[in-house]
C-alpha atoms as a PDB file:
ATOM      1  CA  MET A   1      10.194 -12.080  52.091  1.00  0.00           C
ATOM      2  CA  ARG A   2      10.788 -15.022  49.737  1.00  0.00           C
ATOM      3  CA  ALA A   3       7.690 -14.058  47.828  1.00  0.00           C
ATOM      4  CA  LEU A   4       8.990 -10.497  47.451  1.00  0.00           C
ATOM      5  CA  HIS A   5      12.367 -11.737  46.163  1.00  0.00           C
ATOM      6  CA  TRP A   6      10.600 -14.052  43.700  1.00  0.00           C
ATOM      7  CA  PHE A   7       8.394 -11.214  42.466  1.00  0.00           C
ATOM      8  CA  LEU A   8      11.315  -8.799  41.995  1.00  0.00           C
ATOM      9  CA  GLY A   9      13.391 -11.436  40.214  1.00  0.00           C
ATOM     10  CA  THR A  10      10.563 -12.342  37.856  1.00  0.00           C
ATOM     11  CA  ALA A  11       9.908  -8.677  37.081  1.00  0.00           C
ATOM     12  CA  ALA A  12      13.576  -8.153  36.235  1.00  0.00           C
ATOM     13  CA  VAL A  13      13.581 -11.123  33.853  1.00  0.00           C
ATOM     14  CA  LEU A  14      10.416  -9.933  32.097  1.00  0.00           C
ATOM     15  CA  ALA A  15      11.803  -6.420  31.791  1.00  0.00           C
ATOM     16  CA  GLY A  16      15.009  -7.791  30.272  1.00  0.00           C
ATOM     17  CA  CYS A  17      13.057  -9.881  27.748  1.00  0.00           C
ATOM     18  CA  PHE A  18      10.952  -6.872  26.802  1.00  0.00           C
ATOM     19  CA  PHE A  19      14.077  -4.759  26.274  1.00  0.00           C
ATOM     20  CA  PHE A  20      15.655  -7.481  24.141  1.00  0.00           C
ATOM     21  CA  LEU A  21      12.600  -7.778  21.900  1.00  0.00           C
ATOM     22  CA  GLN A  22      12.295  -4.042  21.523  1.00  0.00           C
ATOM     23  CA  SER A  23      15.974  -3.650  20.663  1.00  0.00           C
ATOM     24  CA  ASP A  24      15.914  -6.450  18.033  1.00  0.00           C
ATOM     25  CA  PRO A  25      13.749  -5.362  15.062  1.00  0.00           C
ATOM     26  CA  GLY A  26      13.695  -8.913  13.771  1.00  0.00           C
ATOM     27  CA  LEU A  27      11.957 -10.208  16.902  1.00  0.00           C
ATOM     28  CA  GLY A  28       9.707  -7.437  18.128  1.00  0.00           C
ATOM     29  CA  PRO A  29       6.027  -7.656  17.113  1.00  0.00           C
ATOM     30  CA  GLY A  30       4.651  -5.015  14.761  1.00  0.00           C
ATOM     31  CA  ASP A  31       8.108  -3.748  13.801  1.00  0.00           C
ATOM     32  CA  SER A  32       7.620  -0.360  12.162  1.00  0.00           C
ATOM     33  CA  SER A  33      11.280   0.345  11.407  1.00  0.00           C
ATOM     34  CA  LYS A  34      11.452  -2.134   8.501  1.00  0.00           C
ATOM     35  CA  PRO A  35      10.868  -0.363   5.160  1.00  0.00           C
ATOM     36  CA  ARG A  36       7.709  -1.477   3.370  1.00  0.00           C
ATOM     37  CA  ILE A  37       6.316  -0.640  -0.058  1.00  0.00           C
ATOM     38  CA  VAL A  38       2.863  -1.272  -1.503  1.00  0.00           C
ATOM     39  CA  VAL A  39       2.675  -2.434  -5.124  1.00  0.00           C
ATOM     40  CA  LEU A  40      -0.605  -2.223  -7.044  1.00  0.00           C
ATOM     41  CA  CYS A  41      -0.195  -5.081  -9.502  1.00  0.00           C
ATOM     42  CA  ALA A  42      -2.328  -6.479 -12.327  1.00  0.00           C
ATOM     43  CA  ALA A  43      -3.641  -9.973 -11.601  1.00  0.00           C
ATOM     44  CA  GLY A  44      -2.052 -11.331 -14.783  1.00  0.00           C
ATOM     45  CA  LEU A  45       1.414 -10.627 -13.357  1.00  0.00           C
ATOM     46  CA  LYS A  46       0.863 -12.444 -10.067  1.00  0.00           C
ATOM     47  CA  GLY A  47       3.174 -15.423 -10.662  1.00  0.00           C
ATOM     48  CA  PRO A  48       6.429 -13.609 -11.418  1.00  0.00           C
ATOM     49  CA  LEU A  49       5.691 -10.680  -9.085  1.00  0.00           C
ATOM     50  CA  GLU A  50       5.327 -12.926  -6.063  1.00  0.00           C
ATOM     51  CA  SER A  51       8.686 -14.520  -6.874  1.00  0.00           C
ATOM     52  CA  ILE A  52      10.383 -11.172  -7.535  1.00  0.00           C
ATOM     53  CA  ALA A  53       8.979  -9.640  -4.340  1.00  0.00           C
ATOM     54  CA  ARG A  54      10.333 -12.509  -2.235  1.00  0.00           C
ATOM     55  CA  SER A  55      13.785 -12.194  -3.801  1.00  0.00           C
ATOM     56  CA  PHE A  56      13.808  -8.410  -3.424  1.00  0.00           C
ATOM     57  CA  GLU A  57      12.867  -8.603   0.248  1.00  0.00           C
ATOM     58  CA  SER A  58      15.565 -11.232   0.845  1.00  0.00           C
ATOM     59  CA  ASP A  59      18.192  -9.145  -0.961  1.00  0.00           C
ATOM     60  CA  THR A  60      17.326  -5.733   0.478  1.00  0.00           C
ATOM     61  CA  GLY A  61      15.345  -6.214   3.692  1.00  0.00           C
ATOM     62  CA  ILE A  62      12.543  -4.069   2.210  1.00  0.00           C
ATOM     63  CA  ALA A  63       9.113  -5.681   2.586  1.00  0.00           C
ATOM     64  CA  VAL A  64       6.801  -5.724  -0.433  1.00  0.00           C
ATOM     65  CA  GLU A  65       3.013  -5.807  -0.078  1.00  0.00           C
ATOM     66  CA  LEU A  66       1.346  -6.896  -3.343  1.00  0.00           C
ATOM     67  CA  ASP A  67      -2.215  -5.772  -4.042  1.00  0.00           C
ATOM     68  CA  PHE A  68      -3.567  -7.678  -7.077  1.00  0.00           C
ATOM     69  CA  GLY A  69      -6.610  -6.802  -9.161  1.00  0.00           C
ATOM     70  CA  GLY A  70      -7.904  -5.570 -12.486  1.00  0.00           C
ATOM     71  CA  SER A  71      -5.985  -2.623 -13.916  1.00  0.00           C
ATOM     72  CA  GLN A  72      -8.908  -0.189 -13.666  1.00  0.00           C
ATOM     73  CA  THR A  73      -9.577  -1.280 -10.097  1.00  0.00           C
ATOM     74  CA  LEU A  74      -5.925  -0.643  -9.251  1.00  0.00           C
ATOM     75  CA  PHE A  75      -6.112   2.788 -10.891  1.00  0.00           C
ATOM     76  CA  ALA A  76      -9.036   3.668  -8.627  1.00  0.00           C
ATOM     77  CA  ARG A  77      -6.988   2.535  -5.621  1.00  0.00           C
ATOM     78  CA  LEU A  78      -4.035   4.655  -6.808  1.00  0.00           C
ATOM     79  CA  SER A  79      -6.345   7.680  -6.881  1.00  0.00           C
ATOM     80  CA  ASP A  80      -7.498   7.156  -3.284  1.00  0.00           C
ATOM     81  CA  PRO A  81      -5.601   9.553  -0.978  1.00  0.00           C
ATOM     82  CA  HIS A  82      -6.573   7.497   2.068  1.00  0.00           C
ATOM     83  CA  ARG A  83      -4.821   4.327   0.805  1.00  0.00           C
ATOM     84  CA  PRO A  84      -1.291   5.364  -0.224  1.00  0.00           C
ATOM     85  CA  ALA A  85       0.646   3.086  -2.570  1.00  0.00           C
ATOM     86  CA  ASP A  86       4.197   3.180  -3.907  1.00  0.00           C
ATOM     87  CA  VAL A  87       4.214   1.380  -7.276  1.00  0.00           C
ATOM     88  CA  PHE A  88       1.568   1.226 -10.016  1.00  0.00           C
ATOM     89  CA  LEU A  89       1.921  -1.884 -12.189  1.00  0.00           C
ATOM     90  CA  PRO A  90      -1.126  -2.311 -14.461  1.00  0.00           C
ATOM     91  CA  ALA A  91      -1.315  -4.787 -17.338  1.00  0.00           C
ATOM     92  CA  ASP A  92      -1.063  -2.108 -20.040  1.00  0.00           C
ATOM     93  CA  GLU A  93       0.836   1.153 -20.407  1.00  0.00           C
ATOM     94  CA  SER A  94      -2.330   3.082 -21.275  1.00  0.00           C
ATOM     95  CA  TYR A  95      -3.182   3.163 -17.566  1.00  0.00           C
ATOM     96  CA  ILE A  96       0.273   4.592 -16.841  1.00  0.00           C
ATOM     97  CA  ARG A  97      -0.345   7.383 -19.361  1.00  0.00           C
ATOM     98  CA  ILE A  98      -3.671   8.259 -17.760  1.00  0.00           C
ATOM     99  CA  ALA A  99      -2.148   8.199 -14.277  1.00  0.00           C
ATOM    100  CA  ARG A 100       0.707  10.441 -15.445  1.00  0.00           C
ATOM    101  CA  GLU A 101      -1.772  12.925 -16.975  1.00  0.00           C
ATOM    102  CA  LYS A 102      -3.452  13.109 -13.580  1.00  0.00           C
ATOM    103  CA  ALA A 103      -0.068  13.649 -11.873  1.00  0.00           C
ATOM    104  CA  LEU A 104      -0.398  10.402  -9.921  1.00  0.00           C
ATOM    105  CA  VAL A 105       2.838   8.767 -11.145  1.00  0.00           C
ATOM    106  CA  GLY A 106       6.132   9.644 -12.728  1.00  0.00           C
ATOM    107  CA  GLY A 107       7.541   8.083 -15.889  1.00  0.00           C
ATOM    108  CA  GLY A 108       6.985   4.403 -16.611  1.00  0.00           C
ATOM    109  CA  THR A 109       9.704   1.739 -16.782  1.00  0.00           C
ATOM    110  CA  ALA A 110       9.077  -0.874 -19.482  1.00  0.00           C
ATOM    111  CA  LEU A 111       9.050  -4.500 -18.308  1.00  0.00           C
ATOM    112  CA  VAL A 112       7.259  -7.066 -20.483  1.00  0.00           C
ATOM    113  CA  SER A 113       4.746  -7.433 -23.300  1.00  0.00           C
ATOM    114  CA  MET A 114       1.783  -9.801 -23.616  1.00  0.00           C
ATOM    115  CA  GLN A 115      -0.488 -11.109 -26.376  1.00  0.00           C
ATOM    116  CA  ALA A 116      -4.142 -12.105 -26.105  1.00  0.00           C
ATOM    117  CA  VAL A 117      -4.972 -15.751 -26.821  1.00  0.00           C
ATOM    118  CA  VAL A 118      -7.983 -18.025 -26.536  1.00  0.00           C
ATOM    119  CA  ILE A 119      -7.698 -20.876 -24.043  1.00  0.00           C
ATOM    120  CA  VAL A 120      -9.571 -24.174 -23.868  1.00  0.00           C
ATOM    121  CA  ARG A 121      -9.114 -27.258 -21.727  1.00  0.00           C
ATOM    122  CA  LYS A 122      -7.150 -30.093 -23.247  1.00  0.00           C
ATOM    123  CA  PRO A 123      -7.884 -32.303 -25.151  1.00  0.00           C
ATOM    124  CA  ALA A 124     -10.341 -29.929 -26.837  1.00  0.00           C
ATOM    125  CA  SER A 125      -9.599 -29.017 -30.455  1.00  0.00           C
ATOM    126  CA  PRO A 126      -8.224 -25.517 -31.098  1.00  0.00           C
ATOM    127  CA  PRO A 127     -11.247 -23.276 -31.758  1.00  0.00           C
ATOM    128  CA  THR A 128     -11.451 -21.015 -34.795  1.00  0.00           C
ATOM    129  CA  TRP A 129     -12.864 -17.498 -34.632  1.00  0.00           C
ATOM    130  CA  ALA A 130     -16.081 -18.887 -36.128  1.00  0.00           C
ATOM    131  CA  ASP A 131     -16.245 -21.454 -33.307  1.00  0.00           C
ATOM    132  CA  LEU A 132     -15.617 -18.804 -30.669  1.00  0.00           C
ATOM    133  CA  THR A 133     -18.373 -16.515 -31.932  1.00  0.00           C
ATOM    134  CA  SER A 134     -20.891 -19.179 -32.983  1.00  0.00           C
ATOM    135  CA  GLY A 135     -22.780 -19.254 -29.696  1.00  0.00           C
ATOM    136  CA  ARG A 136     -22.107 -22.977 -29.315  1.00  0.00           C
ATOM    137  CA  LEU A 137     -19.282 -22.397 -26.813  1.00  0.00           C
ATOM    138  CA  ARG A 138     -19.564 -20.869 -23.367  1.00  0.00           C
ATOM    139  CA  VAL A 139     -17.064 -17.993 -23.537  1.00  0.00           C
ATOM    140  CA  ALA A 140     -15.571 -15.902 -20.721  1.00  0.00           C
ATOM    141  CA  GLN A 141     -13.883 -12.512 -21.025  1.00  0.00           C
ATOM    142  CA  ALA A 142     -12.416 -10.055 -18.551  1.00  0.00           C
ATOM    143  CA  ASP A 143     -14.641  -7.029 -18.026  1.00  0.00           C
ATOM    144  CA  PRO A 144     -13.414  -4.153 -20.266  1.00  0.00           C
ATOM    145  CA  SER A 145     -14.362  -1.634 -17.586  1.00  0.00           C
ATOM    146  CA  VAL A 146     -12.121  -3.354 -15.029  1.00  0.00           C
ATOM    147  CA  ALA A 147      -9.339  -5.386 -16.686  1.00  0.00           C
ATOM    148  CA  ALA A 148      -6.738  -4.456 -19.286  1.00  0.00           C
ATOM    149  CA  VAL A 149      -7.186  -7.563 -21.446  1.00  0.00           C
ATOM    150  CA  GLY A 150     -10.911  -6.850 -21.812  1.00  0.00           C
ATOM    151  CA  ARG A 151     -10.318  -3.206 -22.585  1.00  0.00           C
ATOM    152  CA  ARG A 152      -7.565  -3.933 -25.128  1.00  0.00           C
ATOM    153  CA  THR A 153      -9.721  -6.598 -26.799  1.00  0.00           C
ATOM    154  CA  GLN A 154     -12.594  -4.166 -27.219  1.00  0.00           C
ATOM    155  CA  GLU A 155     -10.274  -1.422 -28.499  1.00  0.00           C
ATOM    156  CA  ALA A 156      -8.201  -3.520 -30.898  1.00  0.00           C
ATOM    157  CA  LEU A 157     -10.827  -5.719 -32.547  1.00  0.00           C
ATOM    158  CA  ALA A 158     -12.613  -4.591 -35.672  1.00  0.00           C
ATOM    159  CA  PRO A 159     -16.106  -3.341 -34.684  1.00  0.00           C
ATOM    160  CA  ALA A 160     -17.861  -6.287 -36.315  1.00  0.00           C
ATOM    161  CA  ASP A 161     -15.532  -8.769 -34.617  1.00  0.00           C
ATOM    162  CA  TRP A 162     -16.082  -7.143 -31.226  1.00  0.00           C
ATOM    163  CA  ARG A 163     -19.869  -7.253 -31.660  1.00  0.00           C
ATOM    164  CA  ALA A 164     -19.665 -10.951 -32.547  1.00  0.00           C
ATOM    165  CA  LEU A 165     -17.404 -11.783 -29.601  1.00  0.00           C
ATOM    166  CA  ASN A 166     -19.451  -9.692 -27.174  1.00  0.00           C
ATOM    167  CA  ALA A 167     -22.660 -11.438 -28.276  1.00  0.00           C
ATOM    168  CA  ALA A 168     -21.033 -14.855 -27.788  1.00  0.00           C
ATOM    169  CA  THR A 169     -19.624 -14.049 -24.342  1.00  0.00           C
ATOM    170  CA  THR A 170     -21.433 -15.946 -21.614  1.00  0.00           C
ATOM    171  CA  VAL A 171     -19.822 -14.205 -18.650  1.00  0.00           C
ATOM    172  CA  TYR A 172     -17.509 -11.288 -17.892  1.00  0.00           C
ATOM    173  CA  LYS A 173     -15.026 -11.727 -15.043  1.00  0.00           C
ATOM    174  CA  PRO A 174     -13.194  -9.075 -12.958  1.00  0.00           C
ATOM    175  CA  THR A 175      -9.666 -10.216 -13.864  1.00  0.00           C
ATOM    176  CA  VAL A 176      -7.798 -12.272 -16.433  1.00  0.00           C
ATOM    177  CA  SER A 177      -6.969 -14.789 -13.707  1.00  0.00           C
ATOM    178  CA  ASP A 178     -10.679 -15.282 -13.047  1.00  0.00           C
ATOM    179  CA  VAL A 179     -11.207 -16.054 -16.737  1.00  0.00           C
ATOM    180  CA  LEU A 180      -8.409 -18.622 -16.703  1.00  0.00           C
ATOM    181  CA  ASN A 181      -9.816 -20.294 -13.586  1.00  0.00           C
ATOM    182  CA  ALA A 182     -13.313 -20.408 -15.085  1.00  0.00           C
ATOM    183  CA  VAL A 183     -11.943 -22.360 -18.059  1.00  0.00           C
ATOM    184  CA  ARG A 184      -9.829 -24.671 -15.891  1.00  0.00           C
ATOM    185  CA  LEU A 185     -12.766 -25.488 -13.608  1.00  0.00           C
ATOM    186  CA  GLY A 186     -15.145 -26.124 -16.502  1.00  0.00           C
ATOM    187  CA  GLY A 187     -17.444 -23.185 -15.852  1.00  0.00           C
ATOM    188  CA  VAL A 188     -16.929 -22.121 -19.462  1.00  0.00           C
ATOM    189  CA  ASP A 189     -15.509 -23.719 -22.591  1.00  0.00           C
ATOM    190  CA  ALA A 190     -13.147 -20.940 -23.711  1.00  0.00           C
ATOM    191  CA  GLY A 191     -11.740 -17.631 -22.543  1.00  0.00           C
ATOM    192  CA  VAL A 192      -9.621 -14.715 -23.736  1.00  0.00           C
ATOM    193  CA  VAL A 193      -6.488 -14.214 -21.601  1.00  0.00           C
ATOM    194  CA  TRP A 194      -2.885 -13.031 -21.841  1.00  0.00           C
ATOM    195  CA  ASP A 195      -0.557 -15.666 -23.267  1.00  0.00           C
ATOM    196  CA  ALA A 196       2.011 -15.542 -20.444  1.00  0.00           C
ATOM    197  CA  ILE A 197      -0.377 -16.656 -17.710  1.00  0.00           C
ATOM    198  CA  VAL A 198      -1.141 -19.944 -19.496  1.00  0.00           C
ATOM    199  CA  LEU A 199       2.382 -21.415 -19.227  1.00  0.00           C
ATOM    200  CA  PRO A 200       2.058 -22.800 -15.662  1.00  0.00           C
ATOM    201  CA  HIS A 201      -1.099 -24.722 -16.662  1.00  0.00           C
ATOM    202  CA  PRO A 202      -0.339 -27.761 -18.849  1.00  0.00           C
ATOM    203  CA  ASP A 203      -4.025 -28.693 -18.805  1.00  0.00           C
ATOM    204  CA  LEU A 204      -4.826 -25.658 -20.966  1.00  0.00           C
ATOM    205  CA  LEU A 205      -4.300 -25.077 -24.681  1.00  0.00           C
ATOM    206  CA  ALA A 206      -3.490 -21.528 -25.846  1.00  0.00           C
ATOM    207  CA  VAL A 207      -4.684 -20.655 -29.350  1.00  0.00           C
ATOM    208  CA  HIS A 208      -3.432 -17.641 -31.306  1.00  0.00           C
ATOM    209  CA  LEU A 209      -6.177 -16.332 -33.587  1.00  0.00           C
ATOM    210  CA  PRO A 210      -5.554 -13.763 -36.354  1.00  0.00           C
ATOM    211  CA  GLN A 211      -8.423 -11.612 -35.080  1.00  0.00           C
ATOM    212  CA  LEU A 212      -6.620 -11.188 -31.749  1.00  0.00           C
ATOM    213  CA  ALA A 213      -3.195 -10.426 -33.228  1.00  0.00           C
ATOM    214  CA  GLY A 214      -3.564  -6.725 -32.439  1.00  0.00           C
ATOM    215  CA  VAL A 215      -4.635  -7.310 -28.834  1.00  0.00           C
ATOM    216  CA  THR A 216      -1.338  -6.720 -27.092  1.00  0.00           C
ATOM    217  CA  ALA A 217      -0.173  -5.075 -23.893  1.00  0.00           C
ATOM    218  CA  ARG A 218       3.057  -3.388 -22.930  1.00  0.00           C
ATOM    219  CA  VAL A 219       3.584  -3.565 -19.180  1.00  0.00           C
ATOM    220  CA  GLU A 220       5.286  -0.698 -17.365  1.00  0.00           C
ATOM    221  CA  ALA A 221       5.914   0.058 -13.702  1.00  0.00           C
ATOM    222  CA  ALA A 222       5.594   3.595 -12.382  1.00  0.00           C
ATOM    223  CA  VAL A 223       6.441   5.219  -9.057  1.00  0.00           C
ATOM    224  CA  ALA A 224       3.512   6.872  -7.295  1.00  0.00           C
ATOM    225  CA  VAL A 225       4.117  10.602  -6.866  1.00  0.00           C
ATOM    226  CA  LYS A 226       2.756  10.632  -3.326  1.00  0.00           C
ATOM    227  CA  GLY A 227       4.124   7.270  -2.245  1.00  0.00           C
ATOM    228  CA  PRO A 228       5.484   7.288   1.315  1.00  0.00           C
ATOM    229  CA  ASN A 229       8.725   5.412   0.520  1.00  0.00           C
ATOM    230  CA  PRO A 230      10.309   6.917  -2.633  1.00  0.00           C
ATOM    231  CA  HIS A 231      13.844   5.589  -2.106  1.00  0.00           C
ATOM    232  CA  ALA A 232      12.735   1.995  -1.487  1.00  0.00           C
ATOM    233  CA  THR A 233      10.279   2.269  -4.372  1.00  0.00           C
ATOM    234  CA  GLU A 234      12.946   3.345  -6.858  1.00  0.00           C
ATOM    235  CA  ARG A 235      15.089   0.389  -5.775  1.00  0.00           C
ATOM    236  CA  PHE A 236      12.194  -1.998  -6.400  1.00  0.00           C
ATOM    237  CA  VAL A 237      11.432  -0.637  -9.874  1.00  0.00           C
ATOM    238  CA  ARG A 238      15.122  -0.922 -10.829  1.00  0.00           C
ATOM    239  CA  TYR A 239      15.060  -4.488  -9.489  1.00  0.00           C
ATOM    240  CA  LEU A 240      12.009  -5.279 -11.627  1.00  0.00           C
ATOM    241  CA  ALA A 241      13.740  -4.023 -14.779  1.00  0.00           C
ATOM    242  CA  ASP A 242      17.144  -5.582 -14.057  1.00  0.00           C
ATOM    243  CA  PRO A 243      17.728  -8.333 -16.677  1.00  0.00           C
ATOM    244  CA  THR A 244      19.394 -10.547 -14.055  1.00  0.00           C
ATOM    245  CA  ARG A 245      16.718  -9.996 -11.384  1.00  0.00           C
ATOM    246  CA  GLY A 246      13.142  -9.161 -12.367  1.00  0.00           C
ATOM    247  CA  GLY A 247      13.852  -9.713 -16.047  1.00  0.00           C
ATOM    248  CA  ALA A 248      15.108 -13.236 -15.385  1.00  0.00           C
ATOM    249  CA  ALA A 249      11.991 -14.062 -13.350  1.00  0.00           C
ATOM    250  CA  PHE A 250       9.704 -12.733 -16.089  1.00  0.00           C
ATOM    251  CA  ARG A 251      11.488 -14.760 -18.784  1.00  0.00           C
ATOM    252  CA  THR A 252      11.338 -17.915 -16.670  1.00  0.00           C
ATOM    253  CA  ALA A 253       7.593 -17.395 -16.244  1.00  0.00           C
ATOM    254  CA  GLY A 254       7.134 -17.102 -20.014  1.00  0.00           C
ATOM    255  CA  TYR A 255       6.749 -13.342 -20.387  1.00  0.00           C
ATOM    256  CA  ALA A 256       8.325 -11.530 -23.339  1.00  0.00           C
ATOM    257  CA  ILE A 257      10.619  -8.664 -22.382  1.00  0.00           C
ATOM    258  CA  ALA A 258       9.187  -5.396 -23.686  1.00  0.00           C
ATOM    259  CA  GLY A 259      10.743  -3.859 -26.767  1.00  0.00           C
ATOM    260  CA  PRO A 260      10.732  -0.192 -27.807  1.00  0.00           C
ATOM    261  CA  ALA A 261       7.485   1.707 -27.314  1.00  0.00           C
ATOM    262  CA  THR A 262       5.189   2.127 -30.311  1.00  0.00           C
ATOM    263  CA  ALA A 263       2.483   4.702 -30.877  1.00  0.00           C
ATOM    264  CA  ARG A 264      -1.128   3.676 -30.363  1.00  0.00           C
END
């Protein structure tokens, strides 16, 4: 009889604990009631986006899943009907235009702009264009077929300059972050990256070359047309563009706030 009473009492306690966990969405495992959005984000924006996502989740209770990669890779993910996403955030607005033409996203919201620079490890001397294309330096670029900085470099350079840079390039990497890491770790001597991602790395020297002056990117965020959480997504995009929220985080990270759009 004692054993029966013990068993019934234990069962009641366990049932009560189960009910408590199920009724408290903050404690129950695998809580599906909490809103969640998926953001396809260019690798070059990783630093500020991680900070912004944490703040947004703290302020709103909406979870943000960040999927980083090269802009073309993200575009392919956006096109996959079996892997729904909510926000498309490539490193250049040209990908937004293409996605809009394919009815994958709505209008873009301007966020920041970036400029291509050459990076070397300190205390190396700032390389000239002649140094970069001489063949004496091991040079890394982001793959133009995958990453925005590679694509914009190929598009914006004069044909002769692109041929010279392409011939001098030792290795192509999937993302701008991979290029930066290759330089930092000594795998190569120099690389072409976006200026904003260099700021957190005092061991690197960023060099602005005249030949790269036209290699710029205007970053926009767009809401996926078939995203499963449109209301939460709109809130996140507004948060990104808010000068006191996302804008402040971008400025702190060294990104220039985007100005008016210009024709390309």
